[in-house]
Amino acid sequence: MRESLERIKRFDPVRARERFTSNFDPQRTKFILLGHQRTGFFVTRILPHTLLLDHLYIIPAYQNQGIGRHVLSHIFKEADGVGLPVTVGALRESASNRFYLRHGFKLVKSDEYDNYYQR
């Protein structure tokens, strides 16, 4: 995410850390493992009308190997099990926008810096 934030001149390490730690919930944070190697993590939250994919980060060296698709499959099963759509936000300049669109998300809202999707 740092690369995308730097591209639009919005990277601030203090702000990035505060944003993450302010809503960090170890109960909802799951590591992504490939064998015994941590390759990323994701965070979901069940809200009244949606399952929010709050964070999905994969170490760059492990991207484009189907790991994100596999994680989304797991998240979709969880959301379908409780009858909720999945909502996610992505920085407008991030390559993750193409990823979410490829995996069935529809753009529902944009603001100055972010796009918001729902599946």
N, C-alpha and C. Protein backbone atom coordinates (compact mmCIF):
# COMPACT_ATOMS: atom_id res chain seq x y z
N MET A 1 0.82 -1.19 0.00
CA MET A 1 0.00 0.00 0.00
C MET A 1 0.87 1.26 0.00
N ARG A 2 2.03 1.14 0.58
CA ARG A 2 2.92 2.31 0.64
C ARG A 2 3.18 2.87 -0.76
N GLU A 3 3.46 1.98 -1.71
CA GLU A 3 3.74 2.41 -3.08
C GLU A 3 2.59 3.23 -3.66
N SER A 4 1.36 2.77 -3.44
CA SER A 4 0.19 3.50 -3.95
C SER A 4 0.04 4.85 -3.27
N LEU A 5 0.27 4.89 -1.97
CA LEU A 5 0.18 6.16 -1.24
C LEU A 5 1.27 7.13 -1.67
N GLU A 6 2.46 6.62 -1.90
CA GLU A 6 3.54 7.48 -2.34
C GLU A 6 3.24 8.07 -3.72
N ARG A 7 2.60 7.29 -4.58
CA ARG A 7 2.28 7.75 -5.93
C ARG A 7 1.39 8.99 -5.90
N ILE A 8 0.50 9.08 -4.90
CA ILE A 8 -0.38 10.25 -4.81
C ILE A 8 0.08 11.21 -3.71
N LYS A 9 1.32 11.01 -3.26
CA LYS A 9 1.95 11.88 -2.26
C LYS A 9 1.16 11.95 -0.95
N ARG A 10 0.65 10.78 -0.52
CA ARG A 10 -0.11 10.71 0.72
C ARG A 10 0.50 9.78 1.74
N PHE A 11 1.68 9.23 1.47
CA PHE A 11 2.25 8.31 2.45
C PHE A 11 2.79 9.07 3.64
N ASP A 12 2.30 8.69 4.80
CA ASP A 12 2.76 9.23 6.07
C ASP A 12 2.87 8.03 7.01
N PRO A 13 4.08 7.62 7.37
CA PRO A 13 4.23 6.41 8.18
C PRO A 13 3.49 6.48 9.51
N VAL A 14 3.44 7.64 10.12
CA VAL A 14 2.74 7.78 11.40
C VAL A 14 1.24 7.57 11.19
N ARG A 15 0.67 8.22 10.18
CA ARG A 15 -0.76 8.08 9.89
C ARG A 15 -1.10 6.63 9.52
N ALA A 16 -0.26 5.99 8.70
CA ALA A 16 -0.51 4.61 8.29
C ALA A 16 -0.52 3.68 9.51
N ARG A 17 0.45 3.87 10.39
CA ARG A 17 0.52 3.02 11.60
C ARG A 17 -0.68 3.28 12.51
N GLU A 18 -1.03 4.54 12.70
CA GLU A 18 -2.17 4.88 13.56
C GLU A 18 -3.47 4.31 13.00
N ARG A 19 -3.65 4.40 11.67
CA ARG A 19 -4.87 3.86 11.05
C ARG A 19 -4.98 2.37 11.32
N PHE A 20 -3.87 1.67 11.15
CA PHE A 20 -3.91 0.23 11.36
C PHE A 20 -4.10 -0.13 12.82
N THR A 21 -3.33 0.49 13.72
CA THR A 21 -3.40 0.10 15.13
C THR A 21 -4.68 0.58 15.81
N SER A 22 -5.30 1.64 15.30
CA SER A 22 -6.52 2.15 15.94
C SER A 22 -7.68 1.17 15.87
N ASN A 23 -7.70 0.31 14.86
CA ASN A 23 -8.80 -0.66 14.79
C ASN A 23 -8.29 -2.09 14.71
N PHE A 24 -7.04 -2.30 15.17
CA PHE A 24 -6.48 -3.65 15.17
C PHE A 24 -7.26 -4.54 16.12
N ASP A 25 -7.65 -5.69 15.63
CA ASP A 25 -8.38 -6.67 16.44
C ASP A 25 -7.76 -8.04 16.17
N PRO A 26 -6.96 -8.53 17.11
CA PRO A 26 -6.28 -9.81 16.87
C PRO A 26 -7.25 -10.97 16.62
N GLN A 27 -8.47 -10.86 17.14
CA GLN A 27 -9.47 -11.93 16.92
C GLN A 27 -9.89 -12.01 15.45
N ARG A 28 -9.84 -10.87 14.73
CA ARG A 28 -10.30 -10.81 13.35
C ARG A 28 -9.14 -10.83 12.34
N THR A 29 -7.91 -10.80 12.83
CA THR A 29 -6.74 -10.77 11.96
C THR A 29 -6.25 -12.19 11.73
N LYS A 30 -6.09 -12.53 10.45
CA LYS A 30 -5.65 -13.89 10.10
C LYS A 30 -4.41 -13.79 9.22
N PHE A 31 -3.37 -14.55 9.58
CA PHE A 31 -2.18 -14.62 8.76
C PHE A 31 -2.45 -15.53 7.57
N ILE A 32 -1.82 -15.21 6.46
CA ILE A 32 -1.87 -16.04 5.27
C ILE A 32 -0.55 -16.80 5.23
N LEU A 33 -0.65 -18.13 5.25
CA LEU A 33 0.54 -18.97 5.26
C LEU A 33 0.66 -19.76 3.96
N LEU A 34 1.85 -19.83 3.45
CA LEU A 34 2.18 -20.70 2.33
C LEU A 34 3.23 -21.65 2.87
N GLY A 35 2.81 -22.87 3.16
CA GLY A 35 3.68 -23.77 3.92
C GLY A 35 3.78 -23.20 5.33
N HIS A 36 4.99 -22.92 5.75
CA HIS A 36 5.20 -22.31 7.07
C HIS A 36 5.58 -20.84 6.96
N GLN A 37 5.52 -20.30 5.75
CA GLN A 37 5.93 -18.92 5.50
C GLN A 37 4.72 -17.98 5.56
N ARG A 38 4.81 -16.94 6.38
CA ARG A 38 3.77 -15.90 6.39
C ARG A 38 3.91 -15.08 5.13
N THR A 39 2.83 -15.02 4.36
CA THR A 39 2.87 -14.30 3.09
C THR A 39 1.98 -13.07 3.11
N GLY A 40 1.25 -12.85 4.19
CA GLY A 40 0.38 -11.69 4.30
C GLY A 40 -0.61 -11.88 5.44
N PHE A 41 -1.63 -11.03 5.44
CA PHE A 41 -2.70 -11.14 6.43
C PHE A 41 -3.94 -10.46 5.90
N PHE A 42 -5.06 -10.78 6.53
CA PHE A 42 -6.31 -10.10 6.20
C PHE A 42 -7.14 -9.93 7.47
N VAL A 43 -8.03 -8.95 7.41
CA VAL A 43 -8.91 -8.64 8.54
C VAL A 43 -10.32 -8.47 7.99
N THR A 44 -11.26 -9.16 8.60
CA THR A 44 -12.67 -8.97 8.25
C THR A 44 -13.45 -8.57 9.49
N ARG A 45 -14.54 -7.88 9.27
CA ARG A 45 -15.44 -7.49 10.36
C ARG A 45 -16.87 -7.71 9.89
N ILE A 46 -17.66 -8.32 10.72
CA ILE A 46 -19.08 -8.46 10.40
C ILE A 46 -19.80 -7.25 10.99
N LEU A 47 -20.37 -6.47 10.11
CA LEU A 47 -21.15 -5.29 10.48
C LEU A 47 -22.62 -5.61 10.27
N PRO A 48 -23.53 -4.74 10.70
CA PRO A 48 -24.96 -5.07 10.57
C PRO A 48 -25.43 -5.44 9.17
N HIS A 49 -24.87 -4.81 8.12
CA HIS A 49 -25.39 -5.08 6.78
C HIS A 49 -24.34 -5.55 5.78
N THR A 50 -23.14 -5.87 6.27
CA THR A 50 -22.08 -6.31 5.36
C THR A 50 -20.96 -7.00 6.12
N LEU A 51 -20.19 -7.78 5.40
CA LEU A 51 -18.93 -8.28 5.92
C LEU A 51 -17.87 -7.38 5.31
N LEU A 52 -17.18 -6.63 6.13
CA LEU A 52 -16.17 -5.69 5.68
C LEU A 52 -14.82 -6.37 5.60
N LEU A 53 -14.22 -6.34 4.42
CA LEU A 53 -12.84 -6.76 4.26
C LEU A 53 -12.02 -5.52 4.55
N ASP A 54 -11.54 -5.43 5.77
CA ASP A 54 -10.90 -4.21 6.27
C ASP A 54 -9.45 -4.09 5.80
N HIS A 55 -8.76 -5.22 5.69
CA HIS A 55 -7.37 -5.24 5.23
C HIS A 55 -7.13 -6.55 4.49
N LEU A 56 -6.37 -6.47 3.41
CA LEU A 56 -5.85 -7.65 2.72
C LEU A 56 -4.50 -7.26 2.16
N TYR A 57 -3.45 -7.79 2.75
CA TYR A 57 -2.10 -7.46 2.33
C TYR A 57 -1.34 -8.75 2.07
N ILE A 58 -0.71 -8.80 0.92
CA ILE A 58 0.14 -9.93 0.56
C ILE A 58 1.52 -9.37 0.24
N ILE A 59 2.55 -9.96 0.81
CA ILE A 59 3.91 -9.53 0.56
C ILE A 59 4.15 -9.53 -0.96
N PRO A 60 4.71 -8.45 -1.50
CA PRO A 60 4.87 -8.35 -2.96
C PRO A 60 5.49 -9.58 -3.63
N ALA A 61 6.45 -10.20 -3.02
CA ALA A 61 7.09 -11.38 -3.63
C ALA A 61 6.11 -12.54 -3.81
N TYR A 62 4.99 -12.51 -3.09
CA TYR A 62 4.01 -13.59 -3.17
C TYR A 62 2.75 -13.20 -3.95
N GLN A 63 2.71 -11.99 -4.45
CA GLN A 63 1.55 -11.55 -5.21
C GLN A 63 1.53 -12.22 -6.59
N ASN A 64 0.34 -12.24 -7.20
CA ASN A 64 0.14 -12.82 -8.53
C ASN A 64 0.40 -14.32 -8.57
N GLN A 65 0.12 -14.99 -7.46
CA GLN A 65 0.27 -16.44 -7.38
C GLN A 65 -1.04 -17.13 -6.99
N GLY A 66 -2.15 -16.37 -6.97
CA GLY A 66 -3.45 -16.95 -6.63
C GLY A 66 -3.77 -16.92 -5.15
N ILE A 67 -2.88 -16.37 -4.34
CA ILE A 67 -3.11 -16.33 -2.90
C ILE A 67 -4.30 -15.44 -2.57
N GLY A 68 -4.36 -14.25 -3.17
CA GLY A 68 -5.47 -13.34 -2.92
C GLY A 68 -6.80 -13.95 -3.34
N ARG A 69 -6.82 -14.64 -4.48
CA ARG A 69 -8.03 -15.31 -4.95
C ARG A 69 -8.49 -16.35 -3.93
N HIS A 70 -7.53 -17.10 -3.40
CA HIS A 70 -7.85 -18.12 -2.40
C HIS A 70 -8.42 -17.48 -1.12
N VAL A 71 -7.83 -16.38 -0.70
CA VAL A 71 -8.32 -15.67 0.49
C VAL A 71 -9.74 -15.16 0.24
N LEU A 72 -9.98 -14.56 -0.93
CA LEU A 72 -11.33 -14.08 -1.24
C LEU A 72 -12.34 -15.21 -1.24
N SER A 73 -11.95 -16.36 -1.75
CA SER A 73 -12.85 -17.52 -1.74
C SER A 73 -13.28 -17.85 -0.30
N HIS A 74 -12.34 -17.83 0.61
CA HIS A 74 -12.62 -18.09 2.03
C HIS A 74 -13.57 -17.01 2.59
N ILE A 75 -13.29 -15.75 2.26
CA ILE A 75 -14.12 -14.64 2.74
C ILE A 75 -15.53 -14.72 2.16
N PHE A 76 -15.65 -15.05 0.87
CA PHE A 76 -16.96 -15.17 0.23
C PHE A 76 -17.79 -16.28 0.90
N LYS A 77 -17.15 -17.39 1.23
CA LYS A 77 -17.87 -18.48 1.92
C LYS A 77 -18.38 -18.02 3.27
N GLU A 78 -17.55 -17.28 4.00
CA GLU A 78 -17.97 -16.76 5.31
C GLU A 78 -19.16 -15.82 5.15
N ALA A 79 -19.07 -14.88 4.19
CA ALA A 79 -20.15 -13.92 3.97
C ALA A 79 -21.42 -14.62 3.51
N ASP A 80 -21.29 -15.56 2.58
CA ASP A 80 -22.47 -16.29 2.09
C ASP A 80 -23.12 -17.08 3.21
N GLY A 81 -22.30 -17.60 4.12
CA GLY A 81 -22.82 -18.37 5.25
C GLY A 81 -23.69 -17.56 6.19
N VAL A 82 -23.45 -16.26 6.26
CA VAL A 82 -24.27 -15.40 7.12
C VAL A 82 -25.18 -14.48 6.30
N GLY A 83 -25.20 -14.70 4.98
CA GLY A 83 -26.11 -13.96 4.11
C GLY A 83 -25.79 -12.48 3.96
N LEU A 84 -24.50 -12.15 3.93
CA LEU A 84 -24.11 -10.74 3.81
C LEU A 84 -23.28 -10.50 2.56
N PRO A 85 -23.37 -9.29 2.00
CA PRO A 85 -22.44 -8.93 0.93
C PRO A 85 -21.07 -8.65 1.55
N VAL A 86 -20.06 -8.59 0.70
CA VAL A 86 -18.71 -8.24 1.14
C VAL A 86 -18.42 -6.83 0.62
N THR A 87 -17.92 -5.98 1.49
CA THR A 87 -17.56 -4.61 1.14
C THR A 87 -16.06 -4.42 1.36
N VAL A 88 -15.43 -3.67 0.46
CA VAL A 88 -13.99 -3.40 0.58
C VAL A 88 -13.71 -2.02 0.00
N GLY A 89 -12.72 -1.36 0.56
CA GLY A 89 -12.25 -0.08 0.03
C GLY A 89 -10.84 -0.25 -0.50
N ALA A 90 -10.51 0.54 -1.53
CA ALA A 90 -9.17 0.48 -2.11
C ALA A 90 -8.75 1.89 -2.51
N LEU A 91 -7.52 2.20 -2.24
CA LEU A 91 -6.97 3.48 -2.66
C LEU A 91 -7.12 3.59 -4.18
N ARG A 92 -7.59 4.72 -4.65
CA ARG A 92 -7.90 4.87 -6.07
C ARG A 92 -6.72 4.55 -6.98
N GLU A 93 -5.52 4.79 -6.54
CA GLU A 93 -4.33 4.57 -7.37
C GLU A 93 -3.73 3.17 -7.20
N SER A 94 -4.40 2.31 -6.48
CA SER A 94 -3.86 0.99 -6.18
C SER A 94 -4.23 -0.03 -7.26
N ALA A 95 -3.30 -0.93 -7.52
CA ALA A 95 -3.58 -2.04 -8.45
C ALA A 95 -4.65 -2.97 -7.89
N SER A 96 -4.93 -2.86 -6.60
CA SER A 96 -5.95 -3.73 -6.00
C SER A 96 -7.34 -3.47 -6.59
N ASN A 97 -7.56 -2.31 -7.18
CA ASN A 97 -8.85 -2.03 -7.81
C ASN A 97 -9.14 -3.06 -8.91
N ARG A 98 -8.16 -3.33 -9.75
CA ARG A 98 -8.35 -4.33 -10.82
C ARG A 98 -8.58 -5.71 -10.23
N PHE A 99 -7.88 -6.01 -9.15
CA PHE A 99 -8.04 -7.30 -8.48
C PHE A 99 -9.48 -7.49 -8.01
N TYR A 100 -10.03 -6.48 -7.34
CA TYR A 100 -11.39 -6.62 -6.82
C TYR A 100 -12.42 -6.70 -7.95
N LEU A 101 -12.24 -5.91 -8.99
CA LEU A 101 -13.16 -5.98 -10.12
C LEU A 101 -13.11 -7.35 -10.80
N ARG A 102 -11.93 -7.92 -10.96
CA ARG A 102 -11.78 -9.25 -11.56
C ARG A 102 -12.47 -10.33 -10.75
N HIS A 103 -12.63 -10.08 -9.45
CA HIS A 103 -13.19 -11.11 -8.58
C HIS A 103 -14.64 -10.83 -8.18
N GLY A 104 -15.34 -10.09 -9.02
CA GLY A 104 -16.79 -9.96 -8.87
C GLY A 104 -17.29 -8.77 -8.07
N PHE A 105 -16.41 -7.91 -7.62
CA PHE A 105 -16.85 -6.72 -6.89
C PHE A 105 -17.34 -5.67 -7.89
N LYS A 106 -18.29 -4.87 -7.46
CA LYS A 106 -18.82 -3.76 -8.24
C LYS A 106 -18.52 -2.47 -7.50
N LEU A 107 -18.09 -1.47 -8.24
CA LEU A 107 -17.83 -0.16 -7.66
C LEU A 107 -19.15 0.46 -7.21
N VAL A 108 -19.23 0.87 -5.94
CA VAL A 108 -20.47 1.46 -5.42
C VAL A 108 -20.30 2.92 -5.01
N LYS A 109 -19.03 3.35 -4.82
CA LYS A 109 -18.82 4.72 -4.35
C LYS A 109 -17.34 5.07 -4.52
N SER A 110 -17.08 6.33 -4.82
CA SER A 110 -15.71 6.85 -4.87
C SER A 110 -15.66 8.15 -4.10
N ASP A 111 -14.51 8.41 -3.50
CA ASP A 111 -14.29 9.74 -2.92
C ASP A 111 -12.94 10.23 -3.40
N GLU A 112 -12.41 11.25 -2.80
CA GLU A 112 -11.18 11.86 -3.29
C GLU A 112 -10.02 10.87 -3.41
N TYR A 113 -9.91 9.94 -2.47
CA TYR A 113 -8.76 9.05 -2.44
C TYR A 113 -9.10 7.57 -2.61
N ASP A 114 -10.32 7.18 -2.33
CA ASP A 114 -10.65 5.75 -2.26
C ASP A 114 -11.83 5.39 -3.16
N ASN A 115 -11.83 4.12 -3.57
CA ASN A 115 -12.97 3.49 -4.23
C ASN A 115 -13.52 2.45 -3.27
N TYR A 116 -14.84 2.29 -3.29
CA TYR A 116 -15.50 1.32 -2.42
C TYR A 116 -16.27 0.35 -3.30
N TYR A 117 -16.11 -0.93 -2.98
CA TYR A 117 -16.70 -2.00 -3.77
C TYR A 117 -17.57 -2.90 -2.91
N GLN A 118 -18.48 -3.59 -3.59
CA GLN A 118 -19.32 -4.56 -2.90
C GLN A 118 -19.51 -5.76 -3.81
N ARG A 119 -19.59 -6.91 -3.19
CA ARG A 119 -19.90 -8.16 -3.89
C ARG A 119 -21.03 -8.82 -3.16
